[in-house]
Protein backbone atom coordinates (compact mmCIF):
# COMPACT_ATOMS: atom_id res chain seq x y z
CA MET A 1 4.03 -17.55 29.32
CA LEU A 2 3.72 -13.84 30.01
CA ASP A 3 1.18 -14.38 32.80
CA LYS A 4 3.90 -15.97 34.93
CA MET A 5 6.53 -13.44 33.92
CA GLY A 6 6.89 -10.54 36.35
CA TYR A 7 8.12 -7.09 35.39
CA SER A 8 11.64 -7.90 36.58
CA ASP A 9 11.73 -10.95 34.28
CA PHE A 10 10.36 -8.85 31.42
CA VAL A 11 13.04 -6.21 31.99
CA SER A 12 15.79 -8.85 32.08
CA THR A 13 14.52 -10.61 28.97
CA TYR A 14 13.29 -7.75 26.78
CA ILE A 15 14.67 -4.42 28.05
CA LYS A 16 18.24 -5.08 29.15
CA PRO A 17 19.43 -6.56 25.81
CA PRO A 18 18.48 -3.49 23.69
CA LEU A 19 19.76 -1.20 26.43
CA ALA A 20 23.13 -2.97 26.32
CA TYR A 21 23.33 -2.44 22.54
CA TYR A 22 22.41 1.25 22.88
CA ILE A 23 25.17 1.64 25.48
CA ARG A 24 27.60 -0.20 23.19
CA CYS A 25 26.73 2.25 20.44
CA MET A 26 27.43 5.18 22.76
CA VAL A 27 30.79 3.97 24.10
CA ILE A 28 32.47 2.98 20.84
CA ASP A 29 34.19 6.36 20.66
CA GLU A 30 35.41 6.03 24.23
CA LEU A 31 36.88 2.62 23.45
CA THR A 32 39.01 3.98 20.60
CA ALA A 33 40.33 7.13 22.27
CA SER A 34 40.86 8.50 25.74
CA VAL A 35 41.09 11.98 27.18
CA GLY A 36 44.24 12.76 29.13
CA THR A 37 46.32 15.72 30.23
CA LEU A 38 47.74 15.95 26.70
CA GLY A 39 44.30 16.00 25.07
CA ILE A 40 42.56 13.23 23.16
CA LEU A 41 44.82 10.22 22.76
CA GLN A 42 44.31 7.36 20.35
CA GLU A 43 45.30 4.01 21.78
CA LYS A 44 48.03 2.08 19.97
CA SER A 45 49.93 -1.07 20.81
CA ASP A 46 52.47 -3.42 19.30
CA TYR A 47 49.75 -6.02 18.79
CA GLY A 48 47.09 -4.01 17.00
CA SER A 49 46.06 -0.68 15.63
CA PRO A 50 43.05 1.56 16.20
CA ALA A 51 39.89 0.85 14.24
CA SER A 52 39.25 3.14 11.29
CA ILE A 53 36.51 5.76 11.44
CA ARG A 54 34.60 3.71 8.86
CA LEU A 55 34.76 0.57 10.99
CA GLN A 56 33.72 2.49 14.10
CA GLU A 57 30.69 3.87 12.29
CA ARG A 58 29.76 0.41 11.01
CA LEU A 59 29.97 -1.00 14.55
CA ARG A 60 27.87 1.90 15.87
CA ARG A 61 25.25 1.33 13.16
CA GLN A 62 25.16 -2.44 13.85
CA ALA A 63 24.70 -1.87 17.58
CA ARG A 64 21.94 0.70 17.01
CA THR A 65 20.13 -1.53 14.49
CA THR A 66 20.28 -4.52 16.84
CA ALA A 67 19.05 -2.39 19.76
CA GLU A 68 16.12 -1.09 17.73
CA ARG A 69 15.18 -4.58 16.55
CA LEU A 70 15.25 -5.90 20.13
CA LEU A 71 13.26 -2.91 21.39
CA ASP A 72 10.65 -3.47 18.68
CA ARG A 73 10.39 -7.07 19.91
CA ALA A 74 9.79 -5.83 23.47
CA VAL A 75 7.12 -3.39 22.30
CA GLY A 76 5.51 -6.19 20.30
CA VAL A 77 5.26 -8.34 23.42
CA ILE A 78 3.74 -5.46 25.38
CA GLU A 79 1.22 -4.64 22.65
CA ALA A 80 0.28 -8.31 22.23
CA ASN A 81 -0.40 -8.60 25.98
CA PRO A 82 -2.13 -5.36 27.06
CA GLU A 83 -3.68 -7.05 30.11
CA SER A 84 -0.18 -7.66 31.50
CA PHE A 85 0.87 -4.03 31.00
CA PRO A 86 -2.11 -1.85 31.97
CA GLU A 87 0.10 1.26 32.27
CA TYR A 88 1.11 1.09 28.60
CA ASP A 89 -0.69 3.46 26.23
CA PRO A 90 0.02 2.61 22.58
CA GLU A 91 -0.77 6.20 21.56
CA GLN A 92 2.21 7.35 23.65
CA ASN A 93 4.63 5.06 21.80
CA LEU A 94 6.96 7.45 19.97
CA ARG A 95 8.16 4.62 17.71
CA HIS A 96 4.71 4.67 16.08
CA CYS A 97 4.42 8.46 15.93
CA LEU A 98 7.84 9.48 14.62
CA LEU A 99 9.57 8.75 11.37
CA LEU A 100 13.29 8.06 11.84
CA LYS A 101 15.76 7.95 8.96
CA GLY A 102 19.47 7.55 9.56
CA GLY A 103 19.12 8.57 13.19
CA PHE A 104 17.21 11.76 12.32
CA ILE A 105 13.64 12.53 13.35
CA LEU A 106 11.61 13.57 10.30
């Protein structure tokens, strides 16, 4: 399967999905508030109310967890097919070298 898959197909299948979730994680704050001439404004309408801080954090955590799971899948495909990715050096993979807990590097 991977022999016929070019880099652009690999990027579309394995890189863009986790990237989208990382971006989602980053923009959650921007979706709940906006910066204007009066400062930071929280959106409000007659049909809904802003998400709580707790809900925002849960959504951020879900997006980050999904992104990391998808990225691990992409790395797994690369490491299982080294002949298709000759530029990849497993010793340079920071996900194997660093210990992350709660978003912190230990």
